[in-house]
Amino acid sequence: MAYCVMCGVKLEDGAVQCPLCRTEVLLPSHVVEKPAEPLFPHPLPEKGTGGISKTSKGIIELILPLLVVSEVTIALTMWYSGNFSHSFIPLFSTAMAALVIAMALVSRHSYVAQTTTHLILVSLYLLGIDGSSGPLSWSVIAVGGIAILWLYAVFTTTRTARTCPLGSASLLMLATLGYLAMINLVVVGKLSWFFPVALPTSLVLFAGVGLFFLLFLTRKRTRLPLADLIFFNLIVLFLTFTALDLFLNRYGSGIWTLSWSVSLFSASVALMLLLISVSVSRRIRRFFTSQNRHS
């Protein structure tokens, strides 16, 4: 970096004269001009990358001795009280609690990483508690519900789900149907109510959700009226419960009839007529407004 000896203006690299006063720039013969190099030739790593922070390491180092002391204390207490055969649950629960805290500090501090880690640890805990008393039973249903929760609450926020919405929606529908079939198999031992009740009711719900995406989210206008959103969701919900009542009566008594869902069906029809009338009135008003503008 050089400056003019006459006026002090900053000179560019390789300049032969001052751009302001036109004074000739003389470079001594023994001086060799080299291109300037940055202080740090390589970009510095972002803060927090490259390992665990000192605070997290300190907490983990504190958790480990506390875990050992707790496990030994619980084991000795259960031994002297004569209940050592039932000590698995308190020992396992203490170890899983320490593991949850440690994994929360070690894993990446993002929604997907933290939620996935905790749901996996909770699933392992439920499987361990259930398996300690014999073959797995209720924990299979609970872990399946956790997996469905991860798909709806975590997977839908990932880049993969956003780039492939149709495939993600198909995955969610298949996973939901698979979970219902698994509940039927675990509780009853065979697929009894899944095909006559759960499957058609789920198809009604999926059809309503698909119709919602088709009618509202494919509009050219990005702004969605809140009233339309609420009305359509209520219609889909009421029709789903109506279908559930209809298929339950068919499965239980063998007749196609409605019992407790008559009011829900009537409300869905009323909301549907209201939503259609509001939509038609908006179209008519928009038509005449655009006509007045062009005229």
Protein backbone atom coordinates (compact mmCIF):
# COMPACT_ATOMS: atom_id res chain seq x y z
CA MET A 1 0.00 0.00 0.00
CA ALA A 2 1.57 3.32 -1.14
CA TYR A 3 0.65 6.99 -0.93
CA CYS A 4 1.57 10.00 -3.06
CA VAL A 5 4.50 12.00 -1.66
CA MET A 6 2.90 15.27 -2.77
CA CYS A 7 -0.81 15.08 -1.90
CA GLY A 8 -1.07 11.87 0.17
CA VAL A 9 -3.65 10.15 -2.02
CA LYS A 10 -3.73 6.34 -1.74
CA LEU A 11 -2.18 4.73 -4.80
CA GLU A 12 -3.27 1.49 -6.40
CA ASP A 13 -0.83 -1.40 -6.85
CA GLY A 14 1.33 -0.82 -9.95
CA ALA A 15 0.38 2.87 -10.37
CA VAL A 16 2.97 4.97 -12.25
CA GLN A 17 1.55 8.38 -11.33
CA CYS A 18 -0.80 9.96 -8.82
CA PRO A 19 -4.40 10.07 -10.11
CA LEU A 20 -4.95 13.48 -8.42
CA CYS A 21 -1.81 15.59 -8.86
CA ARG A 22 -0.16 13.54 -11.63
CA THR A 23 3.08 13.23 -9.68
CA GLU A 24 5.30 10.42 -11.00
CA VAL A 25 5.61 7.44 -8.74
CA LEU A 26 9.23 6.35 -8.30
CA LEU A 27 9.93 2.91 -6.85
CA PRO A 28 13.49 2.47 -5.48
CA SER A 29 15.55 -0.13 -7.35
CA HIS A 30 16.24 -2.24 -4.25
CA VAL A 31 12.53 -2.46 -3.36
CA VAL A 32 10.54 -5.28 -4.94
CA GLU A 33 6.80 -4.79 -4.97
CA LYS A 34 4.92 -7.95 -3.97
CA PRO A 35 1.19 -8.54 -3.94
CA ALA A 36 -0.35 -8.13 -0.55
CA GLU A 37 -1.29 -11.35 1.26
CA PRO A 38 -4.14 -11.62 3.73
CA LEU A 39 -3.34 -12.07 7.38
CA PHE A 40 -5.29 -15.36 7.43
CA PRO A 41 -4.95 -17.07 4.00
CA HIS A 42 -7.58 -19.64 4.90
CA PRO A 43 -11.04 -18.78 6.31
CA LEU A 44 -11.36 -19.35 10.01
CA PRO A 45 -13.76 -22.12 11.11
CA GLU A 46 -17.15 -21.11 12.41
CA LYS A 47 -17.67 -20.83 16.11
CA GLY A 48 -18.71 -24.06 17.76
CA THR A 49 -17.40 -26.46 15.10
CA GLY A 50 -14.78 -29.09 15.60
CA GLY A 51 -15.82 -30.78 18.83
CA ILE A 52 -17.60 -30.36 22.14
CA SER A 53 -17.35 -27.09 24.02
CA LYS A 54 -15.56 -26.88 27.34
CA THR A 55 -18.83 -26.26 29.17
CA SER A 56 -20.39 -29.43 27.72
CA LYS A 57 -17.27 -31.45 28.59
CA GLY A 58 -17.40 -30.15 32.15
CA ILE A 59 -21.06 -31.10 32.52
CA ILE A 60 -20.42 -34.58 31.10
CA GLU A 61 -17.46 -35.06 33.47
CA LEU A 62 -19.76 -34.10 36.33
CA ILE A 63 -22.54 -36.44 35.17
CA LEU A 64 -20.33 -39.53 35.02
CA PRO A 65 -19.28 -39.64 38.72
CA LEU A 66 -22.81 -38.71 39.78
CA LEU A 67 -24.13 -41.58 37.67
CA VAL A 68 -21.71 -44.05 39.25
CA VAL A 69 -22.56 -42.88 42.76
CA SER A 70 -26.30 -43.04 42.03
CA GLU A 71 -26.10 -46.52 40.53
CA VAL A 72 -24.06 -47.86 43.44
CA THR A 73 -26.38 -46.23 45.99
CA ILE A 74 -29.52 -47.63 44.33
CA ALA A 75 -27.98 -51.10 44.01
CA LEU A 76 -26.91 -51.21 47.68
CA THR A 77 -30.29 -49.88 48.84
CA MET A 78 -32.19 -52.50 46.85
CA TRP A 79 -29.76 -55.21 48.06
CA TYR A 80 -30.11 -54.45 51.78
CA SER A 81 -33.89 -54.06 51.49
CA GLY A 82 -34.18 -57.49 49.87
CA ASN A 83 -35.57 -56.14 46.60
CA PHE A 84 -32.49 -56.46 44.44
CA SER A 85 -34.44 -58.54 41.91
CA HIS A 86 -36.57 -55.47 41.20
CA SER A 87 -33.65 -53.10 40.87
CA PHE A 88 -33.50 -53.09 37.07
CA ILE A 89 -36.07 -50.33 36.55
CA PRO A 90 -34.50 -47.73 38.93
CA LEU A 91 -30.98 -48.54 37.72
CA PHE A 92 -31.98 -48.44 34.08
CA SER A 93 -34.00 -45.22 34.55
CA THR A 94 -31.06 -43.45 36.20
CA ALA A 95 -28.67 -44.55 33.45
CA MET A 96 -31.07 -43.42 30.70
CA ALA A 97 -31.57 -40.03 32.38
CA ALA A 98 -27.80 -39.47 32.42
CA LEU A 99 -27.56 -40.64 28.82
CA VAL A 100 -30.31 -38.22 27.73
CA ILE A 101 -28.44 -35.26 29.27
CA ALA A 102 -25.10 -36.35 27.79
CA MET A 103 -26.53 -36.91 24.30
CA ALA A 104 -28.27 -33.55 24.41
CA LEU A 105 -24.87 -31.91 24.98
CA VAL A 106 -22.97 -34.00 22.43
CA SER A 107 -25.41 -33.96 19.48
CA ARG A 108 -25.82 -30.99 17.18
CA HIS A 109 -27.91 -28.12 18.51
CA SER A 110 -30.61 -28.24 15.85
CA TYR A 111 -34.28 -29.14 16.01
CA VAL A 112 -33.96 -32.28 13.88
CA ALA A 113 -30.87 -33.63 15.67
CA GLN A 114 -32.06 -32.93 19.21
CA THR A 115 -35.61 -34.19 18.64
CA THR A 116 -34.43 -37.35 16.87
CA THR A 117 -31.91 -38.11 19.62
CA HIS A 118 -34.43 -37.70 22.42
CA LEU A 119 -37.14 -39.72 20.68
CA ILE A 120 -34.69 -42.58 20.06
CA LEU A 121 -33.61 -42.56 23.72
CA VAL A 122 -37.23 -42.49 24.92
CA SER A 123 -38.01 -45.43 22.62
CA LEU A 124 -35.08 -47.41 24.00
CA TYR A 125 -36.20 -46.61 27.53
CA LEU A 126 -39.75 -47.84 26.91
CA LEU A 127 -38.50 -51.00 25.22
CA GLY A 128 -36.14 -51.67 28.13
CA ILE A 129 -38.84 -51.18 30.76
CA ASP A 130 -41.28 -53.41 28.89
CA GLY A 131 -38.68 -56.07 28.12
CA SER A 132 -37.62 -56.31 31.76
CA SER A 133 -40.92 -57.99 32.68
CA GLY A 134 -41.17 -60.39 29.74
CA PRO A 135 -41.92 -60.28 26.02
CA LEU A 136 -42.48 -56.89 24.44
CA SER A 137 -46.14 -55.86 24.41
CA TRP A 138 -47.28 -52.28 25.08
CA SER A 139 -43.90 -50.75 24.26
CA VAL A 140 -44.27 -51.78 20.61
CA ILE A 141 -47.37 -49.60 20.29
CA ALA A 142 -45.70 -46.75 22.18
CA VAL A 143 -42.55 -46.86 20.06
CA GLY A 144 -44.65 -47.01 16.90
CA GLY A 145 -46.49 -43.89 18.04
CA ILE A 146 -43.14 -42.16 18.65
CA ALA A 147 -42.05 -43.10 15.13
CA ILE A 148 -45.26 -41.61 13.70
CA LEU A 149 -44.68 -38.48 15.79
CA TRP A 150 -41.16 -38.18 14.35
CA LEU A 151 -42.48 -38.46 10.80
CA TYR A 152 -45.13 -35.77 11.27
CA ALA A 153 -43.22 -33.37 13.55
CA VAL A 154 -39.59 -33.81 12.46
CA PHE A 155 -39.37 -35.38 9.02
CA THR A 156 -41.76 -32.84 7.52
CA THR A 157 -39.32 -30.05 8.49
CA THR A 158 -36.33 -31.57 6.67
CA ARG A 159 -35.07 -30.57 3.23
CA THR A 160 -35.95 -34.00 1.81
CA ALA A 161 -39.63 -33.59 2.70
CA ARG A 162 -39.76 -30.08 1.25
CA THR A 163 -38.13 -31.08 -2.05
CA CYS A 164 -40.40 -34.11 -2.54
CA PRO A 165 -43.83 -33.27 -1.07
CA LEU A 166 -45.74 -35.99 -2.94
CA GLY A 167 -43.39 -38.74 -1.81
CA SER A 168 -43.41 -37.41 1.74
CA ALA A 169 -47.21 -37.36 1.83
CA SER A 170 -47.32 -40.95 0.53
CA LEU A 171 -44.82 -42.00 3.21
CA LEU A 172 -46.91 -40.40 5.95
CA MET A 173 -50.09 -42.12 4.75
CA LEU A 174 -48.44 -45.55 4.49
CA ALA A 175 -46.80 -45.14 7.89
CA THR A 176 -50.12 -44.20 9.49
CA LEU A 177 -51.90 -47.19 7.97
CA GLY A 178 -49.03 -49.47 9.00
CA TYR A 179 -49.22 -48.19 12.57
CA LEU A 180 -52.96 -48.85 12.78
CA ALA A 181 -52.44 -52.36 11.39
CA MET A 182 -49.69 -52.97 13.96
CA ILE A 183 -52.01 -51.90 16.81
CA ASN A 184 -54.64 -54.34 15.57
CA LEU A 185 -52.08 -57.17 15.40
CA VAL A 186 -50.61 -56.46 18.85
CA VAL A 187 -53.94 -56.06 20.65
CA VAL A 188 -56.08 -58.67 18.89
CA GLY A 189 -53.48 -60.90 17.27
CA LYS A 190 -54.97 -60.54 13.78
CA LEU A 191 -56.28 -57.90 11.40
CA SER A 192 -59.88 -57.76 12.60
CA TRP A 193 -61.05 -54.12 12.59
CA PHE A 194 -58.28 -52.69 10.40
CA PHE A 195 -59.76 -53.44 6.97
CA PRO A 196 -63.47 -52.79 7.74
CA VAL A 197 -62.98 -49.72 10.00
CA ALA A 198 -59.49 -48.18 10.13
CA LEU A 199 -58.59 -48.42 6.44
CA PRO A 200 -61.74 -46.80 4.95
CA THR A 201 -61.82 -44.13 7.68
CA SER A 202 -58.19 -43.26 6.98
CA LEU A 203 -58.92 -43.09 3.26
CA VAL A 204 -61.71 -40.57 3.93
CA LEU A 205 -59.30 -38.46 5.98
CA PHE A 206 -56.54 -38.69 3.36
CA ALA A 207 -59.00 -37.80 0.60
CA GLY A 208 -60.09 -34.70 2.54
CA VAL A 209 -56.50 -33.62 3.14
CA GLY A 210 -55.65 -34.20 -0.53
CA LEU A 211 -58.65 -32.17 -1.60
CA PHE A 212 -57.49 -29.39 0.73
CA PHE A 213 -54.08 -29.29 -0.95
CA LEU A 214 -55.69 -29.39 -4.37
CA LEU A 215 -58.16 -26.56 -3.74
CA PHE A 216 -56.20 -24.20 -1.54
CA LEU A 217 -52.45 -24.71 -1.84
CA THR A 218 -52.43 -24.76 -5.65
CA ARG A 219 -54.02 -21.34 -5.94
CA LYS A 220 -52.19 -18.57 -7.70
CA ARG A 221 -52.92 -16.33 -4.75
CA THR A 222 -50.52 -17.10 -1.93
CA ARG A 223 -52.74 -15.57 0.74
CA LEU A 224 -55.19 -18.09 2.15
CA PRO A 225 -58.32 -16.78 3.92
CA LEU A 226 -58.40 -17.90 7.53
CA ALA A 227 -62.14 -18.57 7.43
CA ASP A 228 -61.77 -20.95 4.48
CA LEU A 229 -58.99 -22.79 6.28
CA ILE A 230 -61.01 -23.24 9.46
CA PHE A 231 -64.23 -24.23 7.68
CA PHE A 232 -62.55 -26.78 5.43
CA ASN A 233 -60.63 -28.37 8.31
CA LEU A 234 -63.84 -28.68 10.31
CA ILE A 235 -65.59 -30.25 7.32
CA VAL A 236 -62.82 -32.84 6.88
CA LEU A 237 -62.78 -33.58 10.61
CA PHE A 238 -66.56 -33.96 10.89
CA LEU A 239 -66.75 -36.18 7.80
CA THR A 240 -63.93 -38.37 9.14
CA PHE A 241 -65.78 -38.93 12.42
CA THR A 242 -68.97 -39.59 10.48
CA ALA A 243 -67.18 -42.22 8.41
CA LEU A 244 -65.77 -43.76 11.59
CA ASP A 245 -69.26 -44.03 13.10
CA LEU A 246 -70.64 -45.50 9.87
CA PHE A 247 -67.94 -48.16 9.53
CA LEU A 248 -68.05 -49.01 13.23
CA ASN A 249 -71.77 -49.68 13.03
CA ARG A 250 -71.25 -51.78 9.93
CA TYR A 251 -68.47 -53.73 11.67
CA GLY A 252 -70.36 -54.18 14.96
CA SER A 253 -73.98 -54.66 13.95
CA GLY A 254 -73.72 -55.32 10.22
CA ILE A 255 -75.92 -52.39 9.14
CA TRP A 256 -75.05 -49.09 7.47
CA THR A 257 -76.35 -46.47 9.91
CA LEU A 258 -75.24 -43.44 11.90
CA SER A 259 -75.64 -43.20 15.65
CA TRP A 260 -73.67 -40.46 17.45
CA SER A 261 -72.34 -38.66 14.36
CA VAL A 262 -75.63 -37.40 12.88
CA SER A 263 -75.06 -33.91 14.30
CA LEU A 264 -71.47 -33.88 12.99
CA PHE A 265 -72.64 -34.84 9.53
CA SER A 266 -75.32 -32.13 9.57
CA ALA A 267 -72.75 -29.56 10.69
CA SER A 268 -70.35 -30.61 7.93
CA VAL A 269 -73.08 -30.20 5.30
CA ALA A 270 -73.98 -26.74 6.67
CA LEU A 271 -70.33 -25.66 6.70
CA MET A 272 -69.85 -27.00 3.18
CA LEU A 273 -72.81 -24.96 1.87
CA LEU A 274 -71.52 -21.89 3.69
CA LEU A 275 -68.01 -22.33 2.27
CA ILE A 276 -69.39 -22.76 -1.26
CA SER A 277 -71.63 -19.71 -0.97
CA VAL A 278 -68.76 -17.56 0.35
CA SER A 279 -66.47 -18.74 -2.45
CA VAL A 280 -69.12 -18.05 -5.13
CA SER A 281 -69.85 -14.59 -3.72
CA ARG A 282 -66.15 -13.74 -3.81
CA ARG A 283 -65.88 -14.84 -7.43
CA ILE A 284 -68.93 -12.78 -8.42
CA ARG A 285 -67.64 -9.72 -6.61
CA ARG A 286 -64.20 -10.15 -8.19
CA PHE A 287 -65.78 -10.50 -11.64
CA PHE A 288 -67.78 -7.28 -11.39
CA THR A 289 -64.86 -5.43 -9.81
CA SER A 290 -62.54 -6.41 -12.65
CA GLN A 291 -65.22 -5.46 -15.19
CA ASN A 292 -65.56 -2.00 -13.65
CA ARG A 293 -61.83 -1.50 -13.74
CA HIS A 294 -61.53 -2.37 -17.43
CA SER A 295 -64.52 -0.23 -18.34
